[in-house]
Amino acid sequence: MKLSALSTVLVLVALVSLQGCAVLVGAGVATGIMVANDRRTSGTILDDKVIKNKVATLINEKYEEEVQVNLTSYNRVVLLYGQVPSQDIVDDIGSMALETQNVRDVQNEIMIAGASSFVARSNDRLLTSKVKSRLMKNDDVKANHV
């Protein structure tokens, strides 16, 4: 009985001292669930996140506001998409991505075009949300695989 009371007190003290960390604990649990349901290993998921951050940083440092490029990394394959003003920049960004550590391949779908408008990008986000919500309603498709 004394052990149970002591355990309860320790848990309460821990909860009170961690009250500011509730968001971090929740985020950690959510990340753990996503990792558990992902087909990739946790090491590959981490590699993909590091690759995405490195390539995005390289692009932003070199081109800043000149380009509008997004990217995704999955199984160490980088997908580049967006708009840039010239073919030289398309090729340069593709090379930067391919030379990044742990990148296996690059799919460069960057278009030579002017920057898209805020309205066009907002419409794209809306369409993406609609497609994802429909896929989530489909029992044959797992939401975290989209």
N, C-alpha and C. Protein backbone atom coordinates (compact mmCIF):
# COMPACT_ATOMS: atom_id res chain seq x y z
N MET A 1 0.83 -1.19 0.00
CA MET A 1 0.00 0.00 0.00
C MET A 1 0.87 1.25 0.00
N LYS A 2 1.95 1.24 0.80
CA LYS A 2 2.83 2.39 0.87
C LYS A 2 3.51 2.63 -0.47
N LEU A 3 3.85 1.54 -1.19
CA LEU A 3 4.49 1.66 -2.49
C LEU A 3 3.54 2.31 -3.49
N SER A 4 2.28 1.96 -3.44
CA SER A 4 1.29 2.52 -4.35
C SER A 4 1.11 4.02 -4.11
N ALA A 5 1.07 4.43 -2.86
CA ALA A 5 0.93 5.85 -2.53
C ALA A 5 2.17 6.62 -2.97
N LEU A 6 3.33 6.03 -2.76
CA LEU A 6 4.58 6.66 -3.18
C LEU A 6 4.62 6.81 -4.70
N SER A 7 4.19 5.78 -5.42
CA SER A 7 4.15 5.82 -6.89
C SER A 7 3.22 6.92 -7.37
N THR A 8 2.06 7.05 -6.73
CA THR A 8 1.09 8.07 -7.10
C THR A 8 1.68 9.47 -6.91
N VAL A 9 2.34 9.68 -5.78
CA VAL A 9 2.96 10.99 -5.50
C VAL A 9 4.04 11.29 -6.54
N LEU A 10 4.86 10.31 -6.87
CA LEU A 10 5.92 10.51 -7.86
C LEU A 10 5.35 10.85 -9.23
N VAL A 11 4.29 10.18 -9.62
CA VAL A 11 3.66 10.46 -10.91
C VAL A 11 3.09 11.87 -10.91
N LEU A 12 2.43 12.28 -9.83
CA LEU A 12 1.87 13.63 -9.74
C LEU A 12 2.97 14.70 -9.80
N VAL A 13 4.06 14.48 -9.10
CA VAL A 13 5.19 15.42 -9.12
C VAL A 13 5.75 15.52 -10.54
N ALA A 14 5.88 14.38 -11.18
CA ALA A 14 6.41 14.38 -12.56
C ALA A 14 5.47 15.13 -13.50
N LEU A 15 4.16 14.92 -13.36
CA LEU A 15 3.20 15.61 -14.22
C LEU A 15 3.22 17.12 -14.02
N VAL A 16 3.32 17.54 -12.77
CA VAL A 16 3.36 18.97 -12.48
C VAL A 16 4.63 19.59 -13.05
N SER A 17 5.75 18.91 -12.90
CA SER A 17 7.01 19.46 -13.40
C SER A 17 7.10 19.43 -14.91
N LEU A 18 6.31 18.59 -15.57
CA LEU A 18 6.34 18.48 -17.02
C LEU A 18 5.18 19.21 -17.70
N GLN A 19 4.43 20.02 -16.98
CA GLN A 19 3.23 20.62 -17.56
C GLN A 19 3.53 21.44 -18.81
N GLY A 20 4.66 22.09 -18.89
CA GLY A 20 5.01 22.86 -20.07
C GLY A 20 5.43 21.99 -21.24
N CYS A 21 5.66 20.72 -20.98
CA CYS A 21 6.14 19.82 -22.02
C CYS A 21 5.02 18.99 -22.65
N ALA A 22 3.78 19.27 -22.30
CA ALA A 22 2.67 18.48 -22.82
C ALA A 22 2.62 18.51 -24.34
N VAL A 23 2.88 19.66 -24.93
CA VAL A 23 2.87 19.78 -26.38
C VAL A 23 3.98 18.91 -26.97
N LEU A 24 5.16 18.94 -26.35
CA LEU A 24 6.27 18.13 -26.85
C LEU A 24 5.97 16.64 -26.73
N VAL A 25 5.35 16.25 -25.63
CA VAL A 25 5.00 14.84 -25.45
C VAL A 25 3.98 14.43 -26.51
N GLY A 26 2.98 15.27 -26.75
CA GLY A 26 1.97 14.99 -27.77
C GLY A 26 2.58 14.88 -29.16
N ALA A 27 3.50 15.79 -29.48
CA ALA A 27 4.16 15.76 -30.78
C ALA A 27 5.00 14.50 -30.90
N GLY A 28 5.65 14.11 -29.82
CA GLY A 28 6.46 12.89 -29.84
C GLY A 28 5.60 11.65 -30.07
N VAL A 29 4.45 11.61 -29.43
CA VAL A 29 3.54 10.48 -29.62
C VAL A 29 3.04 10.45 -31.06
N ALA A 30 2.66 11.60 -31.60
CA ALA A 30 2.17 11.66 -32.98
C ALA A 30 3.26 11.21 -33.95
N THR A 31 4.48 11.65 -33.72
CA THR A 31 5.60 11.25 -34.58
C THR A 31 5.82 9.75 -34.47
N GLY A 32 5.75 9.24 -33.27
CA GLY A 32 5.91 7.80 -33.07
C GLY A 32 4.86 6.99 -33.81
N ILE A 33 3.63 7.47 -33.82
CA ILE A 33 2.56 6.78 -34.54
C ILE A 33 2.83 6.81 -36.04
N MET A 34 3.25 7.99 -36.55
CA MET A 34 3.54 8.11 -37.97
C MET A 34 4.69 7.18 -38.37
N VAL A 35 5.73 7.11 -37.55
CA VAL A 35 6.87 6.24 -37.84
C VAL A 35 6.42 4.78 -37.81
N ALA A 36 5.58 4.42 -36.88
CA ALA A 36 5.12 3.05 -36.77
C ALA A 36 4.30 2.63 -37.98
N ASN A 37 3.58 3.55 -38.59
CA ASN A 37 2.74 3.23 -39.74
C ASN A 37 3.41 3.48 -41.08
N ASP A 38 4.61 4.00 -41.09
CA ASP A 38 5.31 4.31 -42.33
C ASP A 38 6.01 3.06 -42.84
N ARG A 39 6.06 2.90 -44.15
CA ARG A 39 6.72 1.73 -44.75
C ARG A 39 8.24 1.85 -44.71
N ARG A 40 8.73 3.06 -44.49
CA ARG A 40 10.18 3.27 -44.43
C ARG A 40 10.69 2.97 -43.02
N THR A 41 12.00 2.71 -42.95
CA THR A 41 12.60 2.53 -41.62
C THR A 41 12.73 3.90 -40.97
N SER A 42 12.89 3.92 -39.66
CA SER A 42 13.04 5.20 -38.97
C SER A 42 14.30 5.92 -39.43
N GLY A 43 15.36 5.17 -39.76
CA GLY A 43 16.59 5.78 -40.28
C GLY A 43 16.36 6.46 -41.62
N THR A 44 15.57 5.83 -42.49
CA THR A 44 15.27 6.42 -43.80
C THR A 44 14.40 7.65 -43.64
N ILE A 45 13.45 7.61 -42.72
CA ILE A 45 12.60 8.78 -42.46
C ILE A 45 13.46 9.96 -42.01
N LEU A 46 14.40 9.69 -41.11
CA LEU A 46 15.31 10.74 -40.64
C LEU A 46 16.18 11.25 -41.79
N ASP A 47 16.72 10.33 -42.59
CA ASP A 47 17.52 10.73 -43.76
C ASP A 47 16.71 11.65 -44.67
N ASP A 48 15.45 11.29 -44.93
CA ASP A 48 14.61 12.10 -45.82
C ASP A 48 14.39 13.50 -45.26
N LYS A 49 14.19 13.60 -43.95
CA LYS A 49 14.00 14.92 -43.34
C LYS A 49 15.28 15.75 -43.43
N VAL A 50 16.42 15.13 -43.18
CA VAL A 50 17.70 15.84 -43.25
C VAL A 50 17.96 16.29 -44.69
N ILE A 51 17.72 15.40 -45.64
CA ILE A 51 17.91 15.74 -47.06
C ILE A 51 17.03 16.92 -47.44
N LYS A 52 15.77 16.88 -47.07
CA LYS A 52 14.84 17.97 -47.41
C LYS A 52 15.33 19.30 -46.84
N ASN A 53 15.76 19.29 -45.59
CA ASN A 53 16.24 20.53 -44.96
C ASN A 53 17.51 21.05 -45.62
N LYS A 54 18.45 20.13 -45.94
CA LYS A 54 19.71 20.55 -46.56
C LYS A 54 19.48 21.14 -47.94
N VAL A 55 18.69 20.45 -48.77
CA VAL A 55 18.47 20.93 -50.13
C VAL A 55 17.70 22.25 -50.11
N ALA A 56 16.69 22.35 -49.26
CA ALA A 56 15.92 23.60 -49.17
C ALA A 56 16.82 24.77 -48.74
N THR A 57 17.70 24.50 -47.80
CA THR A 57 18.63 25.54 -47.34
C THR A 57 19.57 25.97 -48.45
N LEU A 58 20.11 25.02 -49.20
CA LEU A 58 20.99 25.34 -50.32
C LEU A 58 20.28 26.21 -51.36
N ILE A 59 19.06 25.84 -51.70
CA ILE A 59 18.29 26.60 -52.68
C ILE A 59 18.01 28.01 -52.17
N ASN A 60 17.57 28.11 -50.93
CA ASN A 60 17.24 29.43 -50.36
C ASN A 60 18.46 30.32 -50.23
N GLU A 61 19.60 29.75 -49.85
CA GLU A 61 20.82 30.55 -49.71
C GLU A 61 21.30 31.09 -51.05
N LYS A 62 21.17 30.30 -52.10
CA LYS A 62 21.71 30.71 -53.39
C LYS A 62 20.73 31.58 -54.18
N TYR A 63 19.44 31.27 -54.11
CA TYR A 63 18.48 31.94 -54.99
C TYR A 63 17.46 32.81 -54.27
N GLU A 64 17.34 32.71 -52.98
CA GLU A 64 16.42 33.51 -52.16
C GLU A 64 15.06 33.68 -52.83
N GLU A 65 14.71 34.90 -53.20
CA GLU A 65 13.38 35.20 -53.75
C GLU A 65 13.28 34.97 -55.26
N GLU A 66 14.39 34.60 -55.89
CA GLU A 66 14.44 34.47 -57.35
C GLU A 66 13.65 33.27 -57.87
N VAL A 67 13.50 32.25 -57.04
CA VAL A 67 12.84 31.01 -57.47
C VAL A 67 11.71 30.64 -56.52
N GLN A 68 10.85 29.78 -57.01
CA GLN A 68 9.77 29.25 -56.19
C GLN A 68 9.82 27.73 -56.34
N VAL A 69 10.62 27.09 -55.52
CA VAL A 69 10.86 25.66 -55.64
C VAL A 69 10.49 24.96 -54.33
N ASN A 70 9.79 23.86 -54.47
CA ASN A 70 9.45 23.00 -53.33
C ASN A 70 10.10 21.65 -53.57
N LEU A 71 10.20 20.86 -52.51
CA LEU A 71 10.78 19.54 -52.68
C LEU A 71 10.23 18.58 -51.65
N THR A 72 10.33 17.32 -52.02
CA THR A 72 9.95 16.22 -51.15
C THR A 72 11.04 15.17 -51.27
N SER A 73 11.36 14.50 -50.18
CA SER A 73 12.31 13.40 -50.22
C SER A 73 11.61 12.16 -49.67
N TYR A 74 11.67 11.08 -50.43
CA TYR A 74 11.07 9.82 -49.99
C TYR A 74 12.02 8.70 -50.41
N ASN A 75 12.45 7.91 -49.44
CA ASN A 75 13.43 6.84 -49.69
C ASN A 75 14.67 7.40 -50.37
N ARG A 76 15.08 8.59 -49.94
CA ARG A 76 16.28 9.27 -50.41
C ARG A 76 16.22 9.66 -51.89
N VAL A 77 15.01 9.70 -52.46
CA VAL A 77 14.80 10.21 -53.81
C VAL A 77 14.13 11.57 -53.66
N VAL A 78 14.73 12.60 -54.26
CA VAL A 78 14.25 13.97 -54.12
C VAL A 78 13.39 14.32 -55.32
N LEU A 79 12.20 14.83 -55.05
CA LEU A 79 11.32 15.37 -56.08
C LEU A 79 11.36 16.89 -55.97
N LEU A 80 11.79 17.54 -57.04
CA LEU A 80 11.84 19.01 -57.10
C LEU A 80 10.69 19.49 -57.98
N TYR A 81 9.98 20.53 -57.54
CA TYR A 81 8.91 21.08 -58.36
C TYR A 81 8.75 22.56 -58.05
N GLY A 82 8.27 23.29 -59.01
CA GLY A 82 8.09 24.72 -58.83
C GLY A 82 8.43 25.47 -60.11
N GLN A 83 8.74 26.77 -59.97
CA GLN A 83 9.02 27.62 -61.11
C GLN A 83 10.32 28.37 -60.89
N VAL A 84 11.12 28.45 -61.98
CA VAL A 84 12.35 29.24 -61.97
C VAL A 84 12.44 29.97 -63.31
N PRO A 85 13.27 31.03 -63.38
CA PRO A 85 13.31 31.83 -64.61
C PRO A 85 14.14 31.26 -65.76
N SER A 86 15.04 30.26 -65.53
CA SER A 86 15.87 29.80 -66.64
C SER A 86 16.26 28.33 -66.49
N GLN A 87 16.65 27.73 -67.61
CA GLN A 87 17.08 26.33 -67.61
C GLN A 87 18.36 26.14 -66.81
N ASP A 88 19.24 27.16 -66.82
CA ASP A 88 20.48 27.07 -66.04
C ASP A 88 20.18 26.87 -64.56
N ILE A 89 19.17 27.57 -64.08
CA ILE A 89 18.81 27.44 -62.66
C ILE A 89 18.18 26.07 -62.40
N VAL A 90 17.35 25.58 -63.32
CA VAL A 90 16.77 24.24 -63.19
C VAL A 90 17.89 23.22 -63.03
N ASP A 91 18.88 23.30 -63.93
CA ASP A 91 20.00 22.35 -63.90
C ASP A 91 20.83 22.49 -62.64
N ASP A 92 21.08 23.73 -62.21
CA ASP A 92 21.89 23.97 -61.01
C ASP A 92 21.21 23.42 -59.77
N ILE A 93 19.93 23.66 -59.62
CA ILE A 93 19.20 23.15 -58.45
C ILE A 93 19.18 21.63 -58.47
N GLY A 94 18.99 21.03 -59.65
CA GLY A 94 19.04 19.57 -59.76
C GLY A 94 20.38 19.02 -59.34
N SER A 95 21.46 19.69 -59.76
CA SER A 95 22.81 19.26 -59.39
C SER A 95 23.05 19.40 -57.89
N MET A 96 22.60 20.51 -57.32
CA MET A 96 22.76 20.71 -55.87
C MET A 96 22.07 19.59 -55.10
N ALA A 97 20.86 19.23 -55.54
CA ALA A 97 20.12 18.18 -54.85
C ALA A 97 20.83 16.83 -55.00
N LEU A 98 21.29 16.52 -56.20
CA LEU A 98 21.93 15.24 -56.45
C LEU A 98 23.25 15.09 -55.70
N GLU A 99 23.94 16.20 -55.49
CA GLU A 99 25.22 16.17 -54.78
C GLU A 99 25.07 16.17 -53.26
N THR A 100 23.85 16.32 -52.78
CA THR A 100 23.61 16.31 -51.34
C THR A 100 23.81 14.90 -50.79
N GLN A 101 24.45 14.82 -49.64
CA GLN A 101 24.76 13.53 -49.01
C GLN A 101 23.50 12.69 -48.83
N ASN A 102 23.60 11.39 -49.14
CA ASN A 102 22.56 10.38 -49.00
C ASN A 102 21.46 10.42 -50.05
N VAL A 103 21.53 11.33 -51.03
CA VAL A 103 20.52 11.38 -52.08
C VAL A 103 20.84 10.30 -53.10
N ARG A 104 19.85 9.43 -53.39
CA ARG A 104 20.03 8.36 -54.37
C ARG A 104 19.71 8.83 -55.79
N ASP A 105 18.67 9.67 -55.91
CA ASP A 105 18.22 10.11 -57.23
C ASP A 105 17.44 11.40 -57.07
N VAL A 106 17.30 12.13 -58.19
CA VAL A 106 16.54 13.38 -58.20
C VAL A 106 15.56 13.34 -59.36
N GLN A 107 14.32 13.62 -59.08
CA GLN A 107 13.30 13.80 -60.10
C GLN A 107 13.05 15.30 -60.20
N ASN A 108 13.54 15.91 -61.27
CA ASN A 108 13.49 17.36 -61.40
C ASN A 108 12.30 17.75 -62.29
N GLU A 109 11.23 18.20 -61.67
CA GLU A 109 10.02 18.62 -62.38
C GLU A 109 9.84 20.13 -62.32
N ILE A 110 10.94 20.86 -62.13
CA ILE A 110 10.88 22.32 -62.07
C ILE A 110 10.59 22.85 -63.47
N MET A 111 9.68 23.82 -63.54
CA MET A 111 9.30 24.43 -64.82
C MET A 111 9.96 25.80 -64.96
N ILE A 112 10.24 26.16 -66.20
CA ILE A 112 10.72 27.51 -66.47
C ILE A 112 9.49 28.38 -66.65
N ALA A 113 9.26 29.23 -65.70
CA ALA A 113 8.06 30.08 -65.71
C ALA A 113 8.21 31.15 -64.66
N GLY A 114 7.37 32.17 -64.74
CA GLY A 114 7.34 33.18 -63.71
C GLY A 114 6.74 32.61 -62.44
N ALA A 115 6.98 33.27 -61.36
CA ALA A 115 6.44 32.80 -60.07
C ALA A 115 4.92 32.78 -60.12
N SER A 116 4.34 31.73 -59.56
CA SER A 116 2.89 31.65 -59.52
C SER A 116 2.34 32.65 -58.50
N SER A 117 1.12 33.04 -58.71
CA SER A 117 0.50 34.03 -57.81
C SER A 117 0.07 33.38 -56.50
N PHE A 118 -0.16 34.21 -55.52
CA PHE A 118 -0.64 33.72 -54.23
C PHE A 118 -1.99 33.02 -54.41
N VAL A 119 -2.84 33.56 -55.26
CA VAL A 119 -4.16 32.96 -55.50
C VAL A 119 -4.01 31.57 -56.10
N ALA A 120 -3.10 31.42 -57.08
CA ALA A 120 -2.90 30.12 -57.71
C ALA A 120 -2.37 29.10 -56.69
N ARG A 121 -1.41 29.52 -55.85
CA ARG A 121 -0.88 28.62 -54.84
C ARG A 121 -1.94 28.24 -53.82
N SER A 122 -2.79 29.20 -53.45
CA SER A 122 -3.87 28.91 -52.50
C SER A 122 -4.85 27.92 -53.10
N ASN A 123 -5.15 28.09 -54.38
CA ASN A 123 -6.05 27.16 -55.06
C ASN A 123 -5.44 25.76 -55.10
N ASP A 124 -4.14 25.68 -55.36
CA ASP A 124 -3.46 24.38 -55.36
C ASP A 124 -3.55 23.71 -53.99
N ARG A 125 -3.37 24.49 -52.93
CA ARG A 125 -3.47 23.93 -51.57
C ARG A 125 -4.88 23.43 -51.29
N LEU A 126 -5.87 24.18 -51.75
CA LEU A 126 -7.27 23.77 -51.55
C LEU A 126 -7.54 22.46 -52.28
N LEU A 127 -7.10 22.36 -53.53
CA LEU A 127 -7.30 21.12 -54.29
C LEU A 127 -6.58 19.95 -53.63
N THR A 128 -5.37 20.19 -53.16
CA THR A 128 -4.61 19.14 -52.47
C THR A 128 -5.36 18.66 -51.23
N SER A 129 -5.91 19.60 -50.47
CA SER A 129 -6.68 19.23 -49.26
C SER A 129 -7.90 18.41 -49.62
N LYS A 130 -8.59 18.78 -50.70
CA LYS A 130 -9.78 18.04 -51.12
C LYS A 130 -9.42 16.61 -51.53
N VAL A 131 -8.35 16.47 -52.29
CA VAL A 131 -7.93 15.14 -52.73
C VAL A 131 -7.54 14.29 -51.53
N LYS A 132 -6.74 14.86 -50.62
CA LYS A 132 -6.32 14.11 -49.44
C LYS A 132 -7.51 13.70 -48.57
N SER A 133 -8.49 14.59 -48.42
CA SER A 133 -9.65 14.24 -47.58
C SER A 133 -10.46 13.13 -48.23
N ARG A 134 -10.57 13.13 -49.55
CA ARG A 134 -11.28 12.03 -50.23
C ARG A 134 -10.52 10.72 -50.07
N LEU A 135 -9.20 10.78 -50.18
CA LEU A 135 -8.41 9.57 -50.02
C LEU A 135 -8.52 9.03 -48.60
N MET A 136 -8.60 9.94 -47.62
CA MET A 136 -8.71 9.50 -46.22
C MET A 136 -10.04 8.79 -45.97
N LYS A 137 -11.06 9.13 -46.74
CA LYS A 137 -12.35 8.47 -46.58
C LYS A 137 -12.36 7.08 -47.19
N ASN A 138 -11.40 6.80 -48.06
CA ASN A 138 -11.30 5.50 -48.72
C ASN A 138 -10.62 4.53 -47.78
N ASP A 139 -11.29 3.42 -47.47
CA ASP A 139 -10.74 2.44 -46.53
C ASP A 139 -9.54 1.70 -47.08
N ASP A 140 -9.35 1.71 -48.40
CA ASP A 140 -8.22 1.02 -49.00
C ASP A 140 -6.93 1.82 -48.98
N VAL A 141 -7.01 3.08 -48.60
CA VAL A 141 -5.84 3.96 -48.61
C VAL A 141 -5.55 4.43 -47.19
N LYS A 142 -4.30 4.25 -46.75
CA LYS A 142 -3.91 4.74 -45.43
C LYS A 142 -3.49 6.20 -45.57
N ALA A 143 -3.99 7.06 -44.71
CA ALA A 143 -3.76 8.50 -44.80
C ALA A 143 -2.28 8.87 -44.76
N ASN A 144 -1.50 8.17 -43.97
CA ASN A 144 -0.08 8.53 -43.87
C ASN A 144 0.73 8.03 -45.06
N HIS A 145 0.13 7.30 -45.98
CA HIS A 145 0.81 6.89 -47.19
C HIS A 145 0.59 7.87 -48.33
N VAL A 146 -0.16 8.92 -48.07
CA VAL A 146 -0.44 9.93 -49.10
C VAL A 146 0.49 11.10 -48.89
